[in-house]
């Protein structure tokens, strides 16, 4: 009887035959934010490779579209804005599926992406109304944090020119460990920064939808 020795499999991050998305997820397993970024980067690398092989042109993944969504996700994480975090996560996943459907011409994926684009635009319009306090909405409410905490946008204390000052409340009974935080000198109020972010996302969604439609109609080379 002949005994055969088998080598232990390489980790996914070091396996040259593993798809890029698997490598990026394996490398980014340390935190949820790194995992999300690794998923998006790995999927885009796989789509770019497949797109170059099938059509021989630049893929939409190489554009700053995905970077804009990831940038917004990072700042929502820093501000503990749980509703936008979930919306951004779904947006990144469906955009990847939409790009895959466009490249491979999967009509169902394209339809799902088109429907989500309408939902995403509606969501960003709601965010604009929320921060501009339109229709009885209040930017100081805990709606975006699911009433879990009183956190506001990260830009409320870290906007351009903002100076954050803390004053201890040691003289008040029961609040010795608390501090009063004041923010002064902001060159631009945080709600306008959030409005610009949402407006930019609406423009990107519209441009991506037009680009995906043109790529879907483009004949293979």
N, C-alpha and C. Protein backbone atom coordinates (compact mmCIF):
# COMPACT_ATOMS: atom_id res chain seq x y z
N UNK A 1 0.86 -1.20 0.00
CA UNK A 1 0.00 0.00 0.00
C UNK A 1 0.89 1.24 0.00
N UNK A 2 0.63 2.16 -0.85
CA UNK A 2 1.42 3.37 -0.98
C UNK A 2 0.72 4.50 -0.24
N UNK A 3 1.47 5.16 0.58
CA UNK A 3 0.92 6.29 1.32
C UNK A 3 1.25 7.57 0.57
N UNK A 4 0.28 8.39 0.42
CA UNK A 4 0.48 9.67 -0.27
C UNK A 4 0.39 10.79 0.74
N UNK A 5 1.26 11.77 0.61
CA UNK A 5 1.26 12.92 1.51
C UNK A 5 0.54 14.08 0.83
N UNK A 6 -0.32 14.67 1.56
CA UNK A 6 -1.06 15.82 1.03
C UNK A 6 -0.62 17.06 1.78
N UNK A 7 -0.38 18.10 1.05
CA UNK A 7 0.03 19.36 1.68
C UNK A 7 -1.20 20.10 2.17
N UNK A 8 -1.04 20.82 3.27
CA UNK A 8 -2.15 21.60 3.82
C UNK A 8 -2.49 22.73 2.88
N UNK A 9 -3.77 23.02 2.71
CA UNK A 9 -4.15 24.08 1.77
C UNK A 9 -3.66 25.44 2.25
N UNK A 10 -3.34 26.27 1.29
CA UNK A 10 -2.92 27.63 1.61
C UNK A 10 -4.10 28.44 2.10
N UNK A 11 -3.83 29.45 2.96
CA UNK A 11 -4.92 30.36 3.33
C UNK A 11 -5.48 31.05 2.10
N UNK A 12 -6.73 31.45 2.22
CA UNK A 12 -7.40 32.08 1.06
C UNK A 12 -6.66 33.33 0.61
N UNK A 13 -6.08 34.06 1.58
CA UNK A 13 -5.39 35.31 1.22
C UNK A 13 -4.10 35.07 0.47
N UNK A 14 -3.51 33.81 0.57
CA UNK A 14 -2.26 33.50 -0.09
C UNK A 14 -2.41 32.56 -1.27
N UNK A 15 -3.61 32.07 -1.52
CA UNK A 15 -3.84 31.13 -2.61
C UNK A 15 -3.91 31.89 -3.93
N UNK A 16 -2.98 31.62 -4.88
CA UNK A 16 -3.00 32.37 -6.15
C UNK A 16 -4.21 32.07 -7.01
N UNK A 17 -4.87 30.92 -6.77
CA UNK A 17 -6.03 30.54 -7.59
C UNK A 17 -7.35 31.06 -7.02
N UNK A 18 -7.30 31.63 -5.82
CA UNK A 18 -8.54 32.12 -5.21
C UNK A 18 -8.98 33.41 -5.89
N UNK A 19 -10.29 33.61 -6.04
CA UNK A 19 -10.77 34.87 -6.62
C UNK A 19 -10.35 36.05 -5.77
N UNK A 20 -10.26 37.22 -6.39
CA UNK A 20 -9.84 38.41 -5.66
C UNK A 20 -10.79 38.75 -4.52
N UNK A 21 -12.07 38.49 -4.71
CA UNK A 21 -13.02 38.83 -3.67
C UNK A 21 -12.78 38.00 -2.41
N UNK A 22 -12.39 36.71 -2.59
CA UNK A 22 -12.09 35.86 -1.44
C UNK A 22 -10.84 36.36 -0.73
N UNK A 23 -9.81 36.75 -1.50
CA UNK A 23 -8.58 37.25 -0.90
C UNK A 23 -8.84 38.52 -0.10
N UNK A 24 -9.61 39.44 -0.66
CA UNK A 24 -9.85 40.70 0.02
C UNK A 24 -10.66 40.48 1.30
N UNK A 25 -11.64 39.57 1.27
CA UNK A 25 -12.43 39.30 2.46
C UNK A 25 -11.56 38.65 3.53
N UNK A 26 -10.68 37.73 3.11
CA UNK A 26 -9.80 37.07 4.08
C UNK A 26 -8.85 38.07 4.73
N UNK A 27 -8.36 39.02 3.95
CA UNK A 27 -7.46 40.02 4.50
C UNK A 27 -8.19 41.05 5.35
N UNK A 28 -9.45 41.29 5.06
CA UNK A 28 -10.19 42.32 5.78
C UNK A 28 -11.11 41.79 6.85
N UNK A 29 -10.83 40.57 7.36
CA UNK A 29 -11.71 39.94 8.34
C UNK A 29 -11.58 40.57 9.72
N UNK A 30 -10.59 41.46 9.94
CA UNK A 30 -10.30 41.95 11.26
C UNK A 30 -11.41 42.84 11.81
N UNK A 31 -12.12 43.55 10.97
CA UNK A 31 -13.17 44.44 11.44
C UNK A 31 -14.27 44.49 10.40
N UNK A 32 -15.51 44.80 10.81
CA UNK A 32 -16.62 44.87 9.83
C UNK A 32 -16.36 45.88 8.72
N UNK A 33 -15.73 47.01 9.08
CA UNK A 33 -15.48 48.03 8.06
C UNK A 33 -14.47 47.54 7.04
N UNK A 34 -13.39 46.88 7.51
CA UNK A 34 -12.41 46.32 6.59
C UNK A 34 -13.01 45.19 5.77
N UNK A 35 -13.90 44.42 6.38
CA UNK A 35 -14.57 43.35 5.65
C UNK A 35 -15.41 43.91 4.51
N UNK A 36 -16.17 44.97 4.79
CA UNK A 36 -17.00 45.59 3.76
C UNK A 36 -16.14 46.16 2.64
N UNK A 37 -15.05 46.85 3.01
CA UNK A 37 -14.17 47.41 2.00
C UNK A 37 -13.51 46.31 1.18
N UNK A 38 -13.09 45.22 1.86
CA UNK A 38 -12.47 44.11 1.15
C UNK A 38 -13.43 43.44 0.19
N UNK A 39 -14.71 43.30 0.61
CA UNK A 39 -15.71 42.69 -0.27
C UNK A 39 -15.89 43.52 -1.53
N UNK A 40 -16.02 44.83 -1.37
CA UNK A 40 -16.23 45.69 -2.52
C UNK A 40 -15.01 45.71 -3.44
N UNK A 41 -13.81 45.82 -2.86
CA UNK A 41 -12.61 45.87 -3.67
C UNK A 41 -12.37 44.55 -4.40
N UNK A 42 -12.56 43.43 -3.70
CA UNK A 42 -12.35 42.14 -4.34
C UNK A 42 -13.34 41.88 -5.46
N UNK A 43 -14.61 42.23 -5.22
CA UNK A 43 -15.62 42.03 -6.27
C UNK A 43 -15.32 42.91 -7.47
N UNK A 44 -14.90 44.13 -7.24
CA UNK A 44 -14.59 45.03 -8.35
C UNK A 44 -13.40 44.52 -9.14
N UNK A 45 -12.39 43.97 -8.45
CA UNK A 45 -11.24 43.43 -9.17
C UNK A 45 -11.64 42.26 -10.05
N UNK A 46 -12.51 41.38 -9.52
CA UNK A 46 -12.98 40.26 -10.33
C UNK A 46 -13.80 40.73 -11.52
N UNK A 47 -14.66 41.74 -11.30
CA UNK A 47 -15.48 42.25 -12.39
C UNK A 47 -14.62 42.96 -13.43
N UNK A 48 -13.61 43.71 -12.97
CA UNK A 48 -12.71 44.38 -13.92
C UNK A 48 -11.99 43.37 -14.80
N UNK A 49 -11.51 42.29 -14.20
CA UNK A 49 -10.79 41.27 -14.96
C UNK A 49 -11.71 40.63 -15.98
N UNK A 50 -12.92 40.27 -15.53
CA UNK A 50 -13.86 39.62 -16.45
C UNK A 50 -14.31 40.57 -17.54
N UNK A 51 -14.46 41.86 -17.17
CA UNK A 51 -14.90 42.84 -18.16
C UNK A 51 -13.83 43.07 -19.22
N UNK A 52 -12.57 43.11 -18.81
CA UNK A 52 -11.50 43.29 -19.79
C UNK A 52 -11.39 42.11 -20.73
N UNK A 53 -11.62 40.90 -20.19
CA UNK A 53 -11.54 39.71 -21.03
C UNK A 53 -12.70 39.63 -22.01
N UNK A 54 -13.88 40.13 -21.60
CA UNK A 54 -15.06 39.98 -22.44
C UNK A 54 -15.26 41.14 -23.40
N UNK A 55 -14.93 42.36 -22.96
CA UNK A 55 -15.23 43.52 -23.78
C UNK A 55 -14.02 44.34 -24.15
N UNK A 56 -12.94 44.18 -23.43
CA UNK A 56 -11.72 44.88 -23.78
C UNK A 56 -11.78 46.37 -23.58
N UNK A 57 -12.52 46.85 -22.60
CA UNK A 57 -12.58 48.28 -22.32
C UNK A 57 -12.59 48.49 -20.83
N UNK A 58 -12.57 49.73 -20.40
CA UNK A 58 -12.54 50.03 -18.98
C UNK A 58 -13.86 49.70 -18.32
N UNK A 59 -13.77 49.18 -17.11
CA UNK A 59 -14.97 48.80 -16.38
C UNK A 59 -15.45 49.95 -15.51
N UNK A 60 -16.78 50.04 -15.25
CA UNK A 60 -17.29 51.07 -14.36
C UNK A 60 -16.72 50.94 -12.96
N UNK A 61 -16.20 49.76 -12.57
CA UNK A 61 -15.65 49.59 -11.23
C UNK A 61 -14.39 50.42 -11.05
N UNK A 62 -13.71 50.75 -12.14
CA UNK A 62 -12.49 51.52 -12.02
C UNK A 62 -12.78 53.00 -11.82
N UNK A 63 -14.03 53.40 -11.89
CA UNK A 63 -14.41 54.79 -11.70
C UNK A 63 -14.56 55.09 -10.22
N UNK A 64 -14.69 56.37 -9.85
CA UNK A 64 -14.81 56.72 -8.43
C UNK A 64 -16.18 56.46 -7.84
N UNK A 65 -17.07 55.76 -8.57
CA UNK A 65 -18.41 55.52 -8.06
C UNK A 65 -18.38 54.74 -6.75
N UNK A 66 -17.63 53.63 -6.74
CA UNK A 66 -17.57 52.81 -5.54
C UNK A 66 -16.86 53.54 -4.41
N UNK A 67 -15.85 54.33 -4.74
CA UNK A 67 -15.13 55.06 -3.71
C UNK A 67 -16.03 56.06 -3.01
N UNK A 68 -16.95 56.67 -3.74
CA UNK A 68 -17.87 57.62 -3.12
C UNK A 68 -18.78 56.93 -2.11
N UNK A 69 -19.26 55.73 -2.45
CA UNK A 69 -20.11 54.98 -1.52
C UNK A 69 -19.33 54.54 -0.29
N UNK A 70 -18.08 54.08 -0.49
CA UNK A 70 -17.25 53.66 0.65
C UNK A 70 -16.89 54.84 1.54
N UNK A 71 -16.61 55.99 0.91
CA UNK A 71 -16.29 57.19 1.70
C UNK A 71 -17.46 57.59 2.59
N UNK A 72 -18.64 57.52 2.03
CA UNK A 72 -19.82 57.87 2.84
C UNK A 72 -20.04 56.85 3.95
N UNK A 73 -19.79 55.58 3.66
CA UNK A 73 -19.96 54.54 4.67
C UNK A 73 -19.00 54.75 5.84
N UNK A 74 -17.79 55.16 5.55
CA UNK A 74 -16.79 55.39 6.60
C UNK A 74 -17.26 56.48 7.56
N UNK A 75 -17.72 57.61 7.03
CA UNK A 75 -18.14 58.71 7.89
C UNK A 75 -19.43 58.40 8.63
N UNK A 76 -20.31 57.58 8.03
CA UNK A 76 -21.50 57.16 8.76
C UNK A 76 -21.14 56.22 9.91
N UNK A 77 -20.13 55.37 9.70
CA UNK A 77 -19.63 54.53 10.78
C UNK A 77 -19.08 55.38 11.91
N UNK A 78 -18.32 56.40 11.58
CA UNK A 78 -17.72 57.25 12.61
C UNK A 78 -18.79 58.01 13.39
N UNK A 79 -19.92 58.30 12.75
CA UNK A 79 -20.99 59.02 13.43
C UNK A 79 -22.07 58.13 14.00
N UNK A 80 -21.90 56.80 13.91
CA UNK A 80 -22.86 55.82 14.43
C UNK A 80 -24.27 56.06 13.88
N UNK A 81 -24.33 56.35 12.59
CA UNK A 81 -25.61 56.56 11.93
C UNK A 81 -26.06 55.22 11.34
N UNK A 82 -26.82 54.46 12.14
CA UNK A 82 -27.09 53.06 11.79
C UNK A 82 -27.98 52.91 10.57
N UNK A 83 -28.97 53.74 10.40
CA UNK A 83 -29.83 53.64 9.22
C UNK A 83 -29.06 53.90 7.93
N UNK A 84 -28.26 54.98 7.84
CA UNK A 84 -27.44 55.16 6.63
C UNK A 84 -26.41 54.05 6.44
N UNK A 85 -25.89 53.49 7.53
CA UNK A 85 -24.91 52.40 7.39
C UNK A 85 -25.54 51.21 6.68
N UNK A 86 -26.74 50.82 7.11
CA UNK A 86 -27.43 49.70 6.46
C UNK A 86 -27.77 50.03 5.01
N UNK A 87 -28.23 51.26 4.76
CA UNK A 87 -28.57 51.66 3.39
C UNK A 87 -27.34 51.65 2.50
N UNK A 88 -26.21 52.15 3.00
CA UNK A 88 -24.97 52.15 2.22
C UNK A 88 -24.49 50.73 1.93
N UNK A 89 -24.62 49.84 2.92
CA UNK A 89 -24.20 48.47 2.72
C UNK A 89 -25.01 47.80 1.61
N UNK A 90 -26.33 47.96 1.66
CA UNK A 90 -27.17 47.40 0.60
C UNK A 90 -26.84 48.03 -0.75
N UNK A 91 -26.56 49.31 -0.74
CA UNK A 91 -26.24 50.01 -1.99
C UNK A 91 -24.98 49.44 -2.62
N UNK A 92 -23.94 49.23 -1.83
CA UNK A 92 -22.68 48.70 -2.36
C UNK A 92 -22.89 47.31 -2.94
N UNK A 93 -23.64 46.45 -2.22
CA UNK A 93 -23.88 45.09 -2.70
C UNK A 93 -24.67 45.09 -4.01
N UNK A 94 -25.73 45.89 -4.07
CA UNK A 94 -26.57 45.89 -5.27
C UNK A 94 -25.85 46.54 -6.44
N UNK A 95 -25.00 47.52 -6.19
CA UNK A 95 -24.21 48.10 -7.28
C UNK A 95 -23.29 47.06 -7.88
N UNK A 96 -22.67 46.25 -7.03
CA UNK A 96 -21.81 45.17 -7.54
C UNK A 96 -22.61 44.19 -8.38
N UNK A 97 -23.80 43.81 -7.90
CA UNK A 97 -24.66 42.91 -8.67
C UNK A 97 -25.10 43.56 -9.98
N UNK A 98 -25.38 44.86 -9.93
CA UNK A 98 -25.79 45.56 -11.14
C UNK A 98 -24.67 45.61 -12.17
N UNK A 99 -23.44 45.84 -11.72
CA UNK A 99 -22.31 45.83 -12.63
C UNK A 99 -22.09 44.45 -13.23
N UNK A 100 -22.25 43.42 -12.40
CA UNK A 100 -22.13 42.06 -12.90
C UNK A 100 -23.22 41.77 -13.95
N UNK A 101 -24.45 42.20 -13.66
CA UNK A 101 -25.53 41.99 -14.62
C UNK A 101 -25.32 42.75 -15.91
N UNK A 102 -24.71 43.94 -15.82
CA UNK A 102 -24.43 44.71 -17.02
C UNK A 102 -23.36 44.06 -17.87
N UNK A 103 -22.30 43.59 -17.22
CA UNK A 103 -21.19 42.98 -17.96
C UNK A 103 -21.62 41.67 -18.60
N UNK A 104 -22.34 40.85 -17.84
CA UNK A 104 -22.76 39.53 -18.33
C UNK A 104 -24.12 39.56 -19.02
N UNK A 105 -24.73 40.72 -19.05
CA UNK A 105 -26.07 40.91 -19.59
C UNK A 105 -27.06 39.94 -18.94
N UNK A 106 -27.24 40.11 -17.65
CA UNK A 106 -28.25 39.38 -16.89
C UNK A 106 -29.43 40.33 -16.65
N UNK A 107 -30.49 40.20 -17.42
CA UNK A 107 -31.60 41.17 -17.32
C UNK A 107 -32.18 41.29 -15.93
N UNK A 108 -32.25 40.18 -15.18
CA UNK A 108 -32.84 40.25 -13.85
C UNK A 108 -32.01 41.14 -12.93
N UNK A 109 -30.70 41.01 -13.00
CA UNK A 109 -29.83 41.84 -12.18
C UNK A 109 -29.97 43.31 -12.56
N UNK A 110 -30.09 43.56 -13.86
CA UNK A 110 -30.22 44.94 -14.31
C UNK A 110 -31.54 45.54 -13.84
N UNK A 111 -32.61 44.74 -13.86
CA UNK A 111 -33.91 45.22 -13.38
C UNK A 111 -33.85 45.52 -11.88
N UNK A 112 -33.23 44.61 -11.13
CA UNK A 112 -33.08 44.82 -9.68
C UNK A 112 -32.29 46.09 -9.42
N UNK A 113 -31.23 46.28 -10.19
CA UNK A 113 -30.41 47.47 -10.00
C UNK A 113 -31.18 48.74 -10.36
N UNK A 114 -31.99 48.68 -11.42
CA UNK A 114 -32.78 49.86 -11.81
C UNK A 114 -33.79 50.22 -10.73
N UNK A 115 -34.42 49.19 -10.14
CA UNK A 115 -35.38 49.44 -9.06
C UNK A 115 -34.67 50.03 -7.84
N UNK A 116 -33.50 49.45 -7.51
CA UNK A 116 -32.76 49.96 -6.36
C UNK A 116 -32.28 51.39 -6.58
N UNK A 117 -31.95 51.74 -7.82
CA UNK A 117 -31.53 53.12 -8.10
C UNK A 117 -32.63 54.10 -7.75
N UNK A 118 -33.88 53.74 -8.06
CA UNK A 118 -35.01 54.61 -7.69
C UNK A 118 -35.15 54.69 -6.17
N UNK A 119 -34.98 53.55 -5.49
CA UNK A 119 -35.05 53.54 -4.02
C UNK A 119 -33.92 54.37 -3.43
N UNK A 120 -32.72 54.24 -3.99
CA UNK A 120 -31.55 54.96 -3.48
C UNK A 120 -31.71 56.46 -3.66
N UNK A 121 -32.23 56.87 -4.79
CA UNK A 121 -32.47 58.30 -5.02
C UNK A 121 -33.52 58.81 -4.04
N UNK A 122 -34.58 58.03 -3.82
CA UNK A 122 -35.61 58.43 -2.85
C UNK A 122 -35.03 58.55 -1.45
N UNK A 123 -34.17 57.59 -1.07
CA UNK A 123 -33.53 57.63 0.25
C UNK A 123 -32.69 58.89 0.43
N UNK A 124 -31.94 59.25 -0.60
CA UNK A 124 -31.10 60.44 -0.50
C UNK A 124 -31.93 61.72 -0.49
N UNK A 125 -33.05 61.72 -1.17
CA UNK A 125 -33.96 62.87 -1.08
C UNK A 125 -34.50 63.00 0.34
N UNK A 126 -34.81 61.85 0.97
CA UNK A 126 -35.26 61.87 2.36
C UNK A 126 -34.17 62.43 3.28
N UNK A 127 -32.91 62.03 3.06
CA UNK A 127 -31.81 62.54 3.88
C UNK A 127 -31.69 64.05 3.73
N UNK A 128 -31.84 64.54 2.50
CA UNK A 128 -31.79 65.98 2.27
C UNK A 128 -32.91 66.69 3.04
N UNK A 129 -34.11 66.15 2.96
CA UNK A 129 -35.24 66.73 3.69
C UNK A 129 -35.04 66.64 5.20
N UNK A 130 -34.41 65.56 5.66
CA UNK A 130 -34.17 65.37 7.09
C UNK A 130 -33.25 66.46 7.64
N UNK A 131 -32.14 66.71 6.94
CA UNK A 131 -31.18 67.70 7.44
C UNK A 131 -31.63 69.13 7.20
N UNK A 132 -32.48 69.34 6.20
CA UNK A 132 -33.02 70.68 5.97
C UNK A 132 -34.32 70.90 6.75
N UNK A 133 -34.75 69.87 7.49
CA UNK A 133 -35.94 69.93 8.35
C UNK A 133 -37.19 70.31 7.55
N UNK A 134 -37.38 69.57 6.47
CA UNK A 134 -38.55 69.78 5.62
C UNK A 134 -39.65 68.82 6.04
N UNK A 135 -40.89 69.29 6.04
CA UNK A 135 -42.02 68.43 6.34
C UNK A 135 -42.10 67.95 7.78
N UNK A 136 -41.68 68.77 8.71
CA UNK A 136 -41.76 68.39 10.11
C UNK A 136 -40.62 67.54 10.61
N UNK A 137 -39.65 67.21 9.76
CA UNK A 137 -38.48 66.44 10.19
C UNK A 137 -37.52 67.33 10.97
N UNK A 138 -36.77 66.72 11.87
CA UNK A 138 -35.81 67.46 12.68
C UNK A 138 -34.46 66.77 12.62
N UNK A 139 -33.42 67.54 12.30
CA UNK A 139 -32.07 66.99 12.22
C UNK A 139 -31.53 66.59 13.58
N UNK A 140 -32.18 67.05 14.66
CA UNK A 140 -31.74 66.72 16.01
C UNK A 140 -32.42 65.46 16.56
N UNK A 141 -33.30 64.85 15.77
CA UNK A 141 -33.97 63.64 16.24
C UNK A 141 -33.03 62.44 16.14
N UNK A 142 -33.44 61.34 16.75
CA UNK A 142 -32.62 60.12 16.77
C UNK A 142 -33.11 59.12 15.73
N UNK A 143 -33.72 59.61 14.67
CA UNK A 143 -34.30 58.74 13.65
C UNK A 143 -33.24 57.91 12.94
N UNK A 144 -32.11 58.52 12.61
CA UNK A 144 -31.07 57.82 11.85
C UNK A 144 -30.25 56.86 12.71
N UNK A 145 -30.40 56.94 14.02
CA UNK A 145 -29.71 56.01 14.91
C UNK A 145 -30.66 54.98 15.51
N UNK A 146 -31.90 54.91 14.99
CA UNK A 146 -32.91 53.97 15.48
C UNK A 146 -33.21 54.17 16.97
N UNK A 147 -33.06 55.43 17.44
CA UNK A 147 -33.31 55.76 18.85
C UNK A 147 -32.42 54.97 19.81
N UNK A 148 -31.28 54.49 19.31
CA UNK A 148 -30.35 53.74 20.16
C UNK A 148 -29.42 54.71 20.90
N UNK A 149 -29.03 55.78 20.26
CA UNK A 149 -28.12 56.73 20.87
C UNK A 149 -28.46 58.13 20.37
N UNK A 150 -27.79 59.12 20.96
CA UNK A 150 -28.02 60.50 20.59
C UNK A 150 -26.90 61.04 19.70
N UNK A 151 -26.21 60.13 19.02
CA UNK A 151 -25.14 60.56 18.14
C UNK A 151 -25.69 61.31 16.94
N UNK A 152 -24.94 62.29 16.50
CA UNK A 152 -25.28 63.02 15.29
C UNK A 152 -24.21 62.75 14.23
N UNK A 153 -24.33 63.43 13.14
CA UNK A 153 -23.37 63.26 12.05
C UNK A 153 -21.95 63.55 12.54
N UNK A 154 -21.00 62.77 12.00
CA UNK A 154 -19.60 62.97 12.37
C UNK A 154 -19.15 64.38 12.03
N UNK A 155 -19.73 64.96 11.01
CA UNK A 155 -19.35 66.31 10.59
C UNK A 155 -19.81 67.38 11.57
N UNK A 156 -20.70 67.06 12.50
CA UNK A 156 -21.19 68.07 13.45
C UNK A 156 -20.09 68.55 14.38
N UNK A 157 -19.07 67.71 14.62
CA UNK A 157 -17.95 68.10 15.49
C UNK A 157 -16.62 68.13 14.75
N UNK A 158 -16.60 67.64 13.53
CA UNK A 158 -15.35 67.53 12.78
C UNK A 158 -15.41 68.19 11.41
N UNK A 159 -16.33 69.11 11.25
CA UNK A 159 -16.45 69.80 9.98
C UNK A 159 -15.30 70.75 9.74
N UNK A 160 -15.24 71.36 8.55
CA UNK A 160 -14.14 72.30 8.25
C UNK A 160 -14.17 73.51 9.18
N UNK A 161 -13.06 73.74 9.86
CA UNK A 161 -12.93 74.88 10.76
C UNK A 161 -13.52 74.69 12.14
N UNK A 162 -14.13 73.55 12.42
CA UNK A 162 -14.78 73.33 13.71
C UNK A 162 -13.74 73.14 14.82
N UNK A 163 -14.00 73.76 15.95
CA UNK A 163 -13.16 73.63 17.14
C UNK A 163 -14.01 73.02 18.24
N UNK A 164 -13.59 71.86 18.73
CA UNK A 164 -14.35 71.12 19.74
C UNK A 164 -13.77 71.41 21.12
N UNK A 165 -14.64 71.88 22.03
CA UNK A 165 -14.21 72.18 23.40
C UNK A 165 -15.05 71.39 24.39
N UNK A 166 -14.39 70.88 25.42
CA UNK A 166 -15.06 70.12 26.46
C UNK A 166 -14.90 70.82 27.79
N UNK A 167 -15.99 70.89 28.53
CA UNK A 167 -15.99 71.49 29.87
C UNK A 167 -16.52 70.46 30.84
N UNK A 168 -15.77 70.20 31.89
CA UNK A 168 -16.19 69.20 32.88
C UNK A 168 -17.40 69.70 33.66
N UNK A 169 -18.19 68.74 34.14
CA UNK A 169 -19.40 69.05 34.92
C UNK A 169 -19.25 68.47 36.33
N UNK A 170 -18.07 68.66 36.89
CA UNK A 170 -17.78 68.08 38.20
C UNK A 170 -18.60 68.70 39.31
N UNK A 171 -19.09 69.91 39.11
CA UNK A 171 -19.85 70.57 40.18
C UNK A 171 -21.29 70.13 40.27
N UNK A 172 -21.76 69.34 39.29
CA UNK A 172 -23.16 68.91 39.27
C UNK A 172 -23.24 67.49 39.78
N UNK A 173 -24.11 67.26 40.72
CA UNK A 173 -24.23 65.94 41.33
C UNK A 173 -24.74 64.92 40.32
N UNK A 174 -24.08 63.79 40.29
CA UNK A 174 -24.47 62.71 39.39
C UNK A 174 -23.90 62.81 38.00
N UNK A 175 -23.21 63.95 37.70
CA UNK A 175 -22.65 64.14 36.36
C UNK A 175 -21.14 64.39 36.43
N UNK A 176 -20.50 63.84 37.46
CA UNK A 176 -19.07 64.07 37.63
C UNK A 176 -18.25 63.51 36.47
N UNK A 177 -18.70 62.38 35.92
CA UNK A 177 -17.94 61.73 34.84
C UNK A 177 -18.34 62.25 33.46
N UNK A 178 -19.24 63.22 33.40
CA UNK A 178 -19.70 63.74 32.11
C UNK A 178 -19.00 65.06 31.81
N UNK A 179 -19.08 65.46 30.58
CA UNK A 179 -18.51 66.74 30.15
C UNK A 179 -19.43 67.38 29.13
N UNK A 180 -19.43 68.70 29.12
CA UNK A 180 -20.23 69.46 28.16
C UNK A 180 -19.37 69.77 26.95
N UNK A 181 -19.84 69.40 25.78
CA UNK A 181 -19.09 69.57 24.54
C UNK A 181 -19.71 70.71 23.74
N UNK A 182 -18.89 71.64 23.35
CA UNK A 182 -19.35 72.73 22.49
C UNK A 182 -18.48 72.78 21.25
N UNK A 183 -19.10 73.10 20.13
CA UNK A 183 -18.39 73.18 18.85
C UNK A 183 -18.59 74.59 18.30
N UNK A 184 -17.49 75.25 18.01
CA UNK A 184 -17.55 76.63 17.51
C UNK A 184 -16.64 76.77 16.29
N UNK A 185 -16.87 77.84 15.55
CA UNK A 185 -15.97 78.20 14.45
C UNK A 185 -16.14 77.40 13.18
N UNK A 186 -17.25 76.67 13.03
CA UNK A 186 -17.43 75.85 11.82
C UNK A 186 -17.62 76.74 10.59
N UNK A 187 -16.85 76.49 9.57
CA UNK A 187 -16.97 77.27 8.34
C UNK A 187 -18.24 76.90 7.57
N UNK A 188 -18.70 75.66 7.74
CA UNK A 188 -19.90 75.19 7.06
C UNK A 188 -20.67 74.27 7.99
N UNK A 189 -21.94 74.54 8.17
CA UNK A 189 -22.75 73.73 9.08
C UNK A 189 -22.85 72.30 8.56
N UNK A 190 -22.84 71.37 9.50
CA UNK A 190 -22.74 69.95 9.13
C UNK A 190 -23.92 69.48 8.29
N UNK A 191 -25.08 70.06 8.49
CA UNK A 191 -26.23 69.59 7.72
C UNK A 191 -26.08 69.89 6.24
N UNK A 192 -25.39 70.97 5.90
CA UNK A 192 -25.16 71.28 4.49
C UNK A 192 -24.14 70.32 3.88
N UNK A 193 -23.19 69.85 4.69
CA UNK A 193 -22.24 68.84 4.19
C UNK A 193 -22.98 67.54 3.88
N UNK A 194 -23.91 67.15 4.76
CA UNK A 194 -24.70 65.94 4.52
C UNK A 194 -25.60 66.11 3.30
N UNK A 195 -26.14 67.30 3.13
CA UNK A 195 -26.99 67.57 1.95
C UNK A 195 -26.16 67.45 0.67
N UNK A 196 -24.93 67.97 0.70
CA UNK A 196 -24.07 67.86 -0.48
C UNK A 196 -23.70 66.41 -0.76
N UNK A 197 -23.46 65.62 0.29
CA UNK A 197 -23.18 64.20 0.10
C UNK A 197 -24.35 63.50 -0.59
N UNK A 198 -25.56 63.75 -0.11
CA UNK A 198 -26.73 63.09 -0.69
C UNK A 198 -26.98 63.57 -2.12
N UNK A 199 -26.79 64.85 -2.36
CA UNK A 199 -26.97 65.37 -3.73
C UNK A 199 -25.96 64.74 -4.68
N UNK A 200 -24.72 64.57 -4.21
CA UNK A 200 -23.70 63.94 -5.04
C UNK A 200 -24.04 62.49 -5.33
N UNK A 201 -24.60 61.79 -4.34
CA UNK A 201 -25.01 60.41 -4.56
C UNK A 201 -26.13 60.30 -5.59
N UNK A 202 -27.03 61.26 -5.60
CA UNK A 202 -28.11 61.26 -6.60
C UNK A 202 -27.53 61.45 -8.00
N UNK A 203 -26.57 62.37 -8.14
CA UNK A 203 -25.94 62.57 -9.44
C UNK A 203 -25.18 61.33 -9.89
N UNK A 204 -24.47 60.69 -8.95
CA UNK A 204 -23.72 59.49 -9.29
C UNK A 204 -24.65 58.37 -9.71
N UNK A 205 -25.76 58.19 -8.98
CA UNK A 205 -26.72 57.13 -9.31
C UNK A 205 -27.30 57.34 -10.71
N UNK A 206 -27.60 58.59 -11.05
CA UNK A 206 -28.14 58.88 -12.38
C UNK A 206 -27.10 58.60 -13.46
N UNK A 207 -25.86 59.03 -13.22
CA UNK A 207 -24.80 58.80 -14.21
C UNK A 207 -24.51 57.31 -14.36
N UNK A 208 -24.51 56.58 -13.25
CA UNK A 208 -24.23 55.14 -13.32
C UNK A 208 -25.33 54.40 -14.06
N UNK A 209 -26.57 54.84 -13.87
CA UNK A 209 -27.68 54.20 -14.56
C UNK A 209 -27.56 54.38 -16.07
N UNK A 210 -27.19 55.60 -16.50
CA UNK A 210 -27.01 55.85 -17.93
C UNK A 210 -25.85 55.03 -18.48
N UNK A 211 -24.74 54.97 -17.71
CA UNK A 211 -23.57 54.22 -18.15
C UNK A 211 -23.86 52.73 -18.25
N UNK A 212 -24.59 52.20 -17.26
CA UNK A 212 -24.93 50.78 -17.29
C UNK A 212 -25.83 50.45 -18.48
N UNK A 213 -26.77 51.34 -18.80
CA UNK A 213 -27.66 51.11 -19.94
C UNK A 213 -26.88 51.08 -21.25
N UNK A 214 -25.90 51.99 -21.38
CA UNK A 214 -25.10 52.01 -22.62
C UNK A 214 -24.23 50.78 -22.74
N UNK A 215 -23.63 50.34 -21.61
CA UNK A 215 -22.79 49.15 -21.66
C UNK A 215 -23.61 47.89 -21.97
N UNK A 216 -24.85 47.85 -21.44
CA UNK A 216 -25.70 46.69 -21.69
C UNK A 216 -26.10 46.59 -23.15
N UNK A 217 -26.23 47.75 -23.82
CA UNK A 217 -26.61 47.77 -25.24
C UNK A 217 -25.42 47.63 -26.16
N UNK A 218 -24.21 47.73 -25.64
CA UNK A 218 -23.02 47.71 -26.48
C UNK A 218 -22.72 46.28 -26.94
N UNK A 219 -22.55 46.04 -28.23
CA UNK A 219 -22.26 44.66 -28.71
C UNK A 219 -20.88 44.21 -28.27
N UNK A 220 -20.72 42.90 -28.07
CA UNK A 220 -19.44 42.32 -27.70
C UNK A 220 -18.44 42.47 -28.84
N UNK A 221 -17.18 42.65 -28.44
CA UNK A 221 -16.13 42.76 -29.45
C UNK A 221 -15.62 41.41 -29.83
